[in-house]
């Protein structure tokens, strides 16, 4: 009896377990609506698809890296060509500027030469009458002192028009810019540095000394 009853107990328990498996508790979602197993499967499949797409995109990027490097090289090559063109433009501009500078320098040199030639022509033209007067004085004979004096004054006038001026010396204070002391002479009547005598006249041309006057300078005893 006991053995039979013990053998029957599993037969009574199996329907209960089957009932529990056939009537499971409904699965509720967070919002209280029953969850559809099909939706859960769709979500899982969607996640798998997303991962596959990301992996595929990464593979595509990895395959495109050589192309990206070629594009960068092409861009760098284009920039290099642009830099070379700009360099060539700058060099060409410098060459033109150098040529213009050389042309300007040559024009200035020609202009200076023309000015000097014109000045020489003007001076010689002004001196021709002086030469004529000297010729006349020599042809006249006799005492030519008066003629020489007139000719000298005429010559000085022509040179003054060109900017020549006589350096004042006798009785002036010694000025090393326009005077040259050839000797010093003791003197009780004159202050130290006063010019007593002029050996050779000095001249300035347009304010610039071209020959200092050679003078004797007084020294205190």
C-alpha atoms as a PDB file:
ATOM      1  CA  UNK A   1       0.000   0.000   0.000  1.00  0.00           C
ATOM      2  CA  UNK A   2       2.567   2.413   1.007  1.00  0.00           C
ATOM      3  CA  UNK A   3       4.693   1.587  -1.925  1.00  0.00           C
ATOM      4  CA  UNK A   4       1.791   2.018  -4.317  1.00  0.00           C
ATOM      5  CA  UNK A   5       0.808   5.332  -2.832  1.00  0.00           C
ATOM      6  CA  UNK A   6       4.335   6.520  -3.036  1.00  0.00           C
ATOM      7  CA  UNK A   7       4.433   5.488  -6.625  1.00  0.00           C
ATOM      8  CA  UNK A   8       1.216   7.390  -7.374  1.00  0.00           C
ATOM      9  CA  UNK A   9       2.259  10.708  -5.879  1.00  0.00           C
ATOM     10  CA  UNK A  10       4.294  11.746  -8.883  1.00  0.00           C
ATOM     11  CA  UNK A  11       1.247  11.079 -11.073  1.00  0.00           C
ATOM     12  CA  UNK A  12      -0.788  13.633  -9.112  1.00  0.00           C
ATOM     13  CA  UNK A  13       2.021  16.249  -9.100  1.00  0.00           C
ATOM     14  CA  UNK A  14       2.757  16.189 -12.849  1.00  0.00           C
ATOM     15  CA  UNK A  15      -0.585  17.779 -13.877  1.00  0.00           C
ATOM     16  CA  UNK A  16       0.064  20.641 -11.443  1.00  0.00           C
ATOM     17  CA  UNK A  17       3.468  21.367 -12.984  1.00  0.00           C
ATOM     18  CA  UNK A  18       1.930  21.155 -16.429  1.00  0.00           C
ATOM     19  CA  UNK A  19      -0.754  23.583 -15.350  1.00  0.00           C
ATOM     20  CA  UNK A  20       1.832  26.011 -14.132  1.00  0.00           C
ATOM     21  CA  UNK A  21       3.735  25.787 -17.420  1.00  0.00           C
ATOM     22  CA  UNK A  22       0.607  26.176 -19.554  1.00  0.00           C
ATOM     23  CA  UNK A  23      -0.653  29.151 -17.567  1.00  0.00           C
ATOM     24  CA  UNK A  24       2.347  31.362 -16.921  1.00  0.00           C
ATOM     25  CA  UNK A  25       1.985  34.704 -15.230  1.00  0.00           C
ATOM     26  CA  UNK A  26       1.561  37.515 -17.793  1.00  0.00           C
ATOM     27  CA  UNK A  27       4.742  39.602 -18.223  1.00  0.00           C
ATOM     28  CA  UNK A  28       4.015  43.234 -17.653  1.00  0.00           C
ATOM     29  CA  UNK A  29       6.060  46.077 -19.198  1.00  0.00           C
ATOM     30  CA  UNK A  30       7.223  49.096 -17.276  1.00  0.00           C
ATOM     31  CA  UNK A  31       4.132  50.993 -18.356  1.00  0.00           C
ATOM     32  CA  UNK A  32       1.711  48.170 -17.339  1.00  0.00           C
ATOM     33  CA  UNK A  33       1.038  46.893 -20.868  1.00  0.00           C
ATOM     34  CA  UNK A  34       1.747  43.269 -21.621  1.00  0.00           C
ATOM     35  CA  UNK A  35       4.995  42.644 -23.424  1.00  0.00           C
ATOM     36  CA  UNK A  36       4.820  41.096 -26.835  1.00  0.00           C
ATOM     37  CA  UNK A  37       7.526  38.440 -27.349  1.00  0.00           C
ATOM     38  CA  UNK A  38       7.588  39.393 -30.984  1.00  0.00           C
ATOM     39  CA  UNK A  39       8.512  42.984 -30.052  1.00  0.00           C
ATOM     40  CA  UNK A  40      11.354  41.778 -27.838  1.00  0.00           C
ATOM     41  CA  UNK A  41      12.648  39.666 -30.666  1.00  0.00           C
ATOM     42  CA  UNK A  42      12.393  42.635 -33.029  1.00  0.00           C
ATOM     43  CA  UNK A  43      14.432  44.771 -30.656  1.00  0.00           C
ATOM     44  CA  UNK A  44      17.092  42.113 -30.353  1.00  0.00           C
ATOM     45  CA  UNK A  45      17.194  41.720 -34.108  1.00  0.00           C
ATOM     46  CA  UNK A  46      17.383  45.515 -34.535  1.00  0.00           C
ATOM     47  CA  UNK A  47      20.348  45.689 -32.140  1.00  0.00           C
ATOM     48  CA  UNK A  48      22.072  42.949 -34.068  1.00  0.00           C
ATOM     49  CA  UNK A  49      21.407  44.805 -37.331  1.00  0.00           C
ATOM     50  CA  UNK A  50      22.766  48.090 -35.870  1.00  0.00           C
ATOM     51  CA  UNK A  51      25.950  46.396 -34.728  1.00  0.00           C
ATOM     52  CA  UNK A  52      26.312  44.845 -38.173  1.00  0.00           C
ATOM     53  CA  UNK A  53      25.839  48.244 -39.849  1.00  0.00           C
ATOM     54  CA  UNK A  54      28.408  49.917 -37.568  1.00  0.00           C
ATOM     55  CA  UNK A  55      30.883  47.141 -38.202  1.00  0.00           C
ATOM     56  CA  UNK A  56      30.229  47.442 -41.918  1.00  0.00           C
ATOM     57  CA  UNK A  57      30.794  51.234 -41.786  1.00  0.00           C
ATOM     58  CA  UNK A  58      34.047  50.761 -39.882  1.00  0.00           C
ATOM     59  CA  UNK A  59      35.174  48.230 -42.453  1.00  0.00           C
ATOM     60  CA  UNK A  60      34.261  50.694 -45.187  1.00  0.00           C
ATOM     61  CA  UNK A  61      36.265  53.459 -43.480  1.00  0.00           C
ATOM     62  CA  UNK A  62      39.244  51.184 -43.042  1.00  0.00           C
ATOM     63  CA  UNK A  63      39.011  50.298 -46.711  1.00  0.00           C
ATOM     64  CA  UNK A  64      38.733  53.992 -47.636  1.00  0.00           C
ATOM     65  CA  UNK A  65      41.897  55.046 -45.712  1.00  0.00           C
ATOM     66  CA  UNK A  66      44.179  54.595 -48.733  1.00  0.00           C
ATOM     67  CA  UNK A  67      41.829  56.786 -50.734  1.00  0.00           C
ATOM     68  CA  UNK A  68      41.833  59.429 -47.998  1.00  0.00           C
ATOM     69  CA  UNK A  69      45.653  59.432 -48.006  1.00  0.00           C
ATOM     70  CA  UNK A  70      45.653  59.896 -51.776  1.00  0.00           C
ATOM     71  CA  UNK A  71      43.232  62.806 -51.441  1.00  0.00           C
ATOM     72  CA  UNK A  72      45.499  64.434 -48.832  1.00  0.00           C
ATOM     73  CA  UNK A  73      48.510  63.939 -51.089  1.00  0.00           C
ATOM     74  CA  UNK A  74      46.588  65.456 -53.969  1.00  0.00           C
ATOM     75  CA  UNK A  75      45.637  68.444 -51.793  1.00  0.00           C
ATOM     76  CA  UNK A  76      49.254  68.891 -50.662  1.00  0.00           C
ATOM     77  CA  UNK A  77      50.442  68.653 -54.255  1.00  0.00           C
ATOM     78  CA  UNK A  78      47.938  71.327 -55.261  1.00  0.00           C
ATOM     79  CA  UNK A  79      49.125  73.577 -52.425  1.00  0.00           C
ATOM     80  CA  UNK A  80      52.729  73.000 -53.482  1.00  0.00           C
ATOM     81  CA  UNK A  81      51.902  73.944 -57.054  1.00  0.00           C
ATOM     82  CA  UNK A  82      50.150  77.079 -55.806  1.00  0.00           C
ATOM     83  CA  UNK A  83      53.191  78.005 -53.678  1.00  0.00           C
ATOM     84  CA  UNK A  84      55.474  77.472 -56.663  1.00  0.00           C
ATOM     85  CA  UNK A  85      53.296  79.682 -58.830  1.00  0.00           C
ATOM     86  CA  UNK A  86      53.320  82.403 -56.179  1.00  0.00           C
ATOM     87  CA  UNK A  87      57.105  82.056 -55.885  1.00  0.00           C
ATOM     88  CA  UNK A  88      57.485  82.428 -59.635  1.00  0.00           C
ATOM     89  CA  UNK A  89      55.213  85.486 -59.583  1.00  0.00           C
ATOM     90  CA  UNK A  90      57.288  87.080 -56.817  1.00  0.00           C
ATOM     91  CA  UNK A  91      60.533  86.336 -58.654  1.00  0.00           C
ATOM     92  CA  UNK A  92      59.134  87.821 -61.828  1.00  0.00           C
ATOM     93  CA  UNK A  93      58.023  90.925 -59.931  1.00  0.00           C
ATOM     94  CA  UNK A  94      61.496  91.266 -58.413  1.00  0.00           C
ATOM     95  CA  UNK A  95      63.088  90.903 -61.843  1.00  0.00           C
ATOM     96  CA  UNK A  96      60.843  93.619 -63.237  1.00  0.00           C
ATOM     97  CA  UNK A  97      61.578  95.840 -60.240  1.00  0.00           C
ATOM     98  CA  UNK A  98      65.311  95.295 -60.663  1.00  0.00           C
ATOM     99  CA  UNK A  99      65.082  96.109 -64.357  1.00  0.00           C
ATOM    100  CA  UNK A 100      63.102  99.275 -63.610  1.00  0.00           C
ATOM    101  CA  UNK A 101      65.670 100.282 -60.988  1.00  0.00           C
ATOM    102  CA  UNK A 102      68.540  99.755 -63.425  1.00  0.00           C
ATOM    103  CA  UNK A 103      66.738 101.750 -66.083  1.00  0.00           C
ATOM    104  CA  UNK A 104      66.059 104.542 -63.596  1.00  0.00           C
ATOM    105  CA  UNK A 105      69.699 104.594 -62.496  1.00  0.00           C
ATOM    106  CA  UNK A 106      70.869 104.776 -66.092  1.00  0.00           C
ATOM    107  CA  UNK A 107      68.409 107.592 -66.807  1.00  0.00           C
ATOM    108  CA  UNK A 108      69.717 109.522 -63.800  1.00  0.00           C
ATOM    109  CA  UNK A 109      73.296 109.022 -64.923  1.00  0.00           C
ATOM    110  CA  UNK A 110      72.442 110.253 -68.406  1.00  0.00           C
ATOM    111  CA  UNK A 111      70.612 113.225 -66.902  1.00  0.00           C
ATOM    112  CA  UNK A 112      73.577 114.095 -64.674  1.00  0.00           C
ATOM    113  CA  UNK A 113      75.918 113.851 -67.635  1.00  0.00           C
ATOM    114  CA  UNK A 114      73.631 116.093 -69.649  1.00  0.00           C
ATOM    115  CA  UNK A 115      73.478 118.640 -66.804  1.00  0.00           C
ATOM    116  CA  UNK A 116      77.263 118.694 -66.456  1.00  0.00           C
ATOM    117  CA  UNK A 117      77.692 119.098 -70.183  1.00  0.00           C
ATOM    118  CA  UNK A 118      75.119 121.876 -70.215  1.00  0.00           C
ATOM    119  CA  UNK A 119      76.835 123.607 -67.284  1.00  0.00           C
ATOM    120  CA  UNK A 120      80.213 123.345 -68.976  1.00  0.00           C
ATOM    121  CA  UNK A 121      78.737 124.696 -72.176  1.00  0.00           C
ATOM    122  CA  UNK A 122      77.207 127.626 -70.315  1.00  0.00           C
ATOM    123  CA  UNK A 123      80.468 128.422 -68.524  1.00  0.00           C
ATOM    124  CA  UNK A 124      82.581 128.217 -71.659  1.00  0.00           C
ATOM    125  CA  UNK A 125      80.074 130.360 -73.548  1.00  0.00           C
ATOM    126  CA  UNK A 126      80.314 132.973 -70.789  1.00  0.00           C
ATOM    127  CA  UNK A 127      84.121 132.912 -70.882  1.00  0.00           C
ATOM    128  CA  UNK A 128      84.390 133.383 -74.633  1.00  0.00           C
ATOM    129  CA  UNK A 129      83.994 137.200 -74.398  1.00  0.00           C
ATOM    130  CA  UNK A 130      86.766 137.258 -71.779  1.00  0.00           C
ATOM    131  CA  UNK A 131      89.008 135.381 -74.175  1.00  0.00           C
ATOM    132  CA  UNK A 132      88.093 137.824 -76.930  1.00  0.00           C
ATOM    133  CA  UNK A 133      89.056 140.814 -74.728  1.00  0.00           C
ATOM    134  CA  UNK A 134      92.414 139.249 -73.901  1.00  0.00           C
ATOM    135  CA  UNK A 135      93.043 138.744 -77.599  1.00  0.00           C
ATOM    136  CA  UNK A 136      92.190 142.383 -78.297  1.00  0.00           C
ATOM    137  CA  UNK A 137      94.464 143.604 -75.473  1.00  0.00           C
ATOM    138  CA  UNK A 138      97.357 141.601 -76.837  1.00  0.00           C
ATOM    139  CA  UNK A 139      96.725 142.871 -80.370  1.00  0.00           C
ATOM    140  CA  UNK A 140      96.609 146.530 -79.237  1.00  0.00           C
ATOM    141  CA  UNK A 141     100.133 146.497 -77.762  1.00  0.00           C
ATOM    142  CA  UNK A 142     101.513 149.251 -75.544  1.00  0.00           C
ATOM    143  CA  UNK A 143     100.236 149.546 -71.961  1.00  0.00           C
ATOM    144  CA  UNK A 144      97.626 146.815 -71.589  1.00  0.00           C
ATOM    145  CA  UNK A 145      97.195 147.164 -67.876  1.00  0.00           C
ATOM    146  CA  UNK A 146      93.816 148.829 -68.138  1.00  0.00           C
ATOM    147  CA  UNK A 147      92.576 146.220 -70.618  1.00  0.00           C
ATOM    148  CA  UNK A 148      93.740 143.358 -68.431  1.00  0.00           C
ATOM    149  CA  UNK A 149      92.009 144.898 -65.421  1.00  0.00           C
ATOM    150  CA  UNK A 150      88.732 145.188 -67.334  1.00  0.00           C
ATOM    151  CA  UNK A 151      89.076 141.640 -68.610  1.00  0.00           C
ATOM    152  CA  UNK A 152      89.740 140.368 -65.100  1.00  0.00           C
ATOM    153  CA  UNK A 153      86.609 142.053 -63.812  1.00  0.00           C
ATOM    154  CA  UNK A 154      84.606 140.580 -66.647  1.00  0.00           C
ATOM    155  CA  UNK A 155      85.957 137.118 -65.874  1.00  0.00           C
ATOM    156  CA  UNK A 156      85.134 137.481 -62.175  1.00  0.00           C
ATOM    157  CA  UNK A 157      81.607 138.527 -63.074  1.00  0.00           C
ATOM    158  CA  UNK A 158      81.098 135.445 -65.248  1.00  0.00           C
ATOM    159  CA  UNK A 159      82.393 133.161 -62.490  1.00  0.00           C
ATOM    160  CA  UNK A 160      80.218 134.855 -59.886  1.00  0.00           C
ATOM    161  CA  UNK A 161      77.188 134.050 -62.006  1.00  0.00           C
ATOM    162  CA  UNK A 162      78.209 130.391 -61.728  1.00  0.00           C
ATOM    163  CA  UNK A 163      78.341 130.626 -57.927  1.00  0.00           C
ATOM    164  CA  UNK A 164      82.007 131.457 -57.387  1.00  0.00           C
ATOM    165  CA  UNK A 165      82.788 133.785 -54.468  1.00  0.00           C
ATOM    166  CA  UNK A 166      86.041 135.184 -53.090  1.00  0.00           C
ATOM    167  CA  UNK A 167      87.009 134.229 -49.525  1.00  0.00           C
ATOM    168  CA  UNK A 168      87.526 137.262 -47.286  1.00  0.00           C
ATOM    169  CA  UNK A 169      90.911 137.032 -45.577  1.00  0.00           C
ATOM    170  CA  UNK A 170      92.893 140.165 -44.665  1.00  0.00           C
ATOM    171  CA  UNK A 171      91.868 141.477 -41.249  1.00  0.00           C
ATOM    172  CA  UNK A 172      89.495 138.526 -40.630  1.00  0.00           C
ATOM    173  CA  UNK A 173      89.650 135.944 -37.887  1.00  0.00           C
ATOM    174  CA  UNK A 174      91.245 132.724 -39.010  1.00  0.00           C
ATOM    175  CA  UNK A 175      88.694 130.116 -40.094  1.00  0.00           C
ATOM    176  CA  UNK A 176      90.128 126.649 -40.748  1.00  0.00           C
ATOM    177  CA  UNK A 177      87.166 125.866 -43.046  1.00  0.00           C
ATOM    178  CA  UNK A 178      88.237 128.459 -45.647  1.00  0.00           C
ATOM    179  CA  UNK A 179      91.741 129.536 -44.543  1.00  0.00           C
ATOM    180  CA  UNK A 180      95.084 127.758 -44.532  1.00  0.00           C
ATOM    181  CA  UNK A 181      97.778 129.185 -42.253  1.00  0.00           C
ATOM    182  CA  UNK A 182     101.159 129.014 -43.951  1.00  0.00           C
ATOM    183  CA  UNK A 183     102.895 130.741 -41.096  1.00  0.00           C
ATOM    184  CA  UNK A 184     102.344 132.653 -37.871  1.00  0.00           C
ATOM    185  CA  UNK A 185     103.752 136.109 -37.189  1.00  0.00           C
ATOM    186  CA  UNK A 186     104.101 137.722 -33.760  1.00  0.00           C
ATOM    187  CA  UNK A 187     102.170 140.970 -33.516  1.00  0.00           C
ATOM    188  CA  UNK A 188     101.460 143.376 -30.664  1.00  0.00           C
ATOM    189  CA  UNK A 189      98.919 145.368 -32.655  1.00  0.00           C
ATOM    190  CA  UNK A 190      96.578 142.515 -33.593  1.00  0.00           C
ATOM    191  CA  UNK A 191      94.672 139.936 -31.661  1.00  0.00           C
ATOM    192  CA  UNK A 192      95.714 136.337 -31.765  1.00  0.00           C
ATOM    193  CA  UNK A 193      94.282 134.620 -34.889  1.00  0.00           C
ATOM    194  CA  UNK A 194      93.844 137.729 -37.019  1.00  0.00           C
ATOM    195  CA  UNK A 195      94.937 137.292 -40.635  1.00  0.00           C
ATOM    196  CA  UNK A 196      97.758 139.699 -41.453  1.00  0.00           C
ATOM    197  CA  UNK A 197      98.471 138.834 -45.061  1.00  0.00           C
ATOM    198  CA  UNK A 198      97.095 136.740 -47.898  1.00  0.00           C
ATOM    199  CA  UNK A 199      99.530 134.823 -50.068  1.00  0.00           C
ATOM    200  CA  UNK A 200      96.889 133.253 -52.302  1.00  0.00           C
ATOM    201  CA  UNK A 201      93.221 134.029 -52.573  1.00  0.00           C
ATOM    202  CA  UNK A 202      90.665 131.404 -51.679  1.00  0.00           C
ATOM    203  CA  UNK A 203      87.314 130.685 -53.324  1.00  0.00           C
ATOM    204  CA  UNK A 204      84.048 128.976 -52.532  1.00  0.00           C
ATOM    205  CA  UNK A 205      81.674 127.610 -55.157  1.00  0.00           C
ATOM    206  CA  UNK A 206      78.001 127.624 -54.236  1.00  0.00           C
ATOM    207  CA  UNK A 207      78.920 127.822 -50.551  1.00  0.00           C
ATOM    208  CA  UNK A 208      81.496 124.997 -50.665  1.00  0.00           C
ATOM    209  CA  UNK A 209      85.187 125.719 -50.308  1.00  0.00           C
ATOM    210  CA  UNK A 210      87.086 124.671 -53.409  1.00  0.00           C
ATOM    211  CA  UNK A 211      90.378 126.335 -52.470  1.00  0.00           C
ATOM    212  CA  UNK A 212      91.341 127.747 -49.060  1.00  0.00           C
ATOM    213  CA  UNK A 213      93.110 131.072 -48.834  1.00  0.00           C
ATOM    214  CA  UNK A 214      96.784 130.785 -47.860  1.00  0.00           C
ATOM    215  CA  UNK A 215      97.368 133.368 -45.132  1.00  0.00           C
ATOM    216  CA  UNK A 216      99.698 134.642 -42.428  1.00  0.00           C
ATOM    217  CA  UNK A 217      98.141 134.610 -38.956  1.00  0.00           C
ATOM    218  CA  UNK A 218      99.045 136.937 -36.062  1.00  0.00           C
ATOM    219  CA  UNK A 219     100.300 135.442 -32.807  1.00  0.00           C
ATOM    220  CA  UNK A 220     100.476 137.188 -29.450  1.00  0.00           C
ATOM    221  CA  UNK A 221     103.955 137.875 -28.151  1.00  0.00           C
END
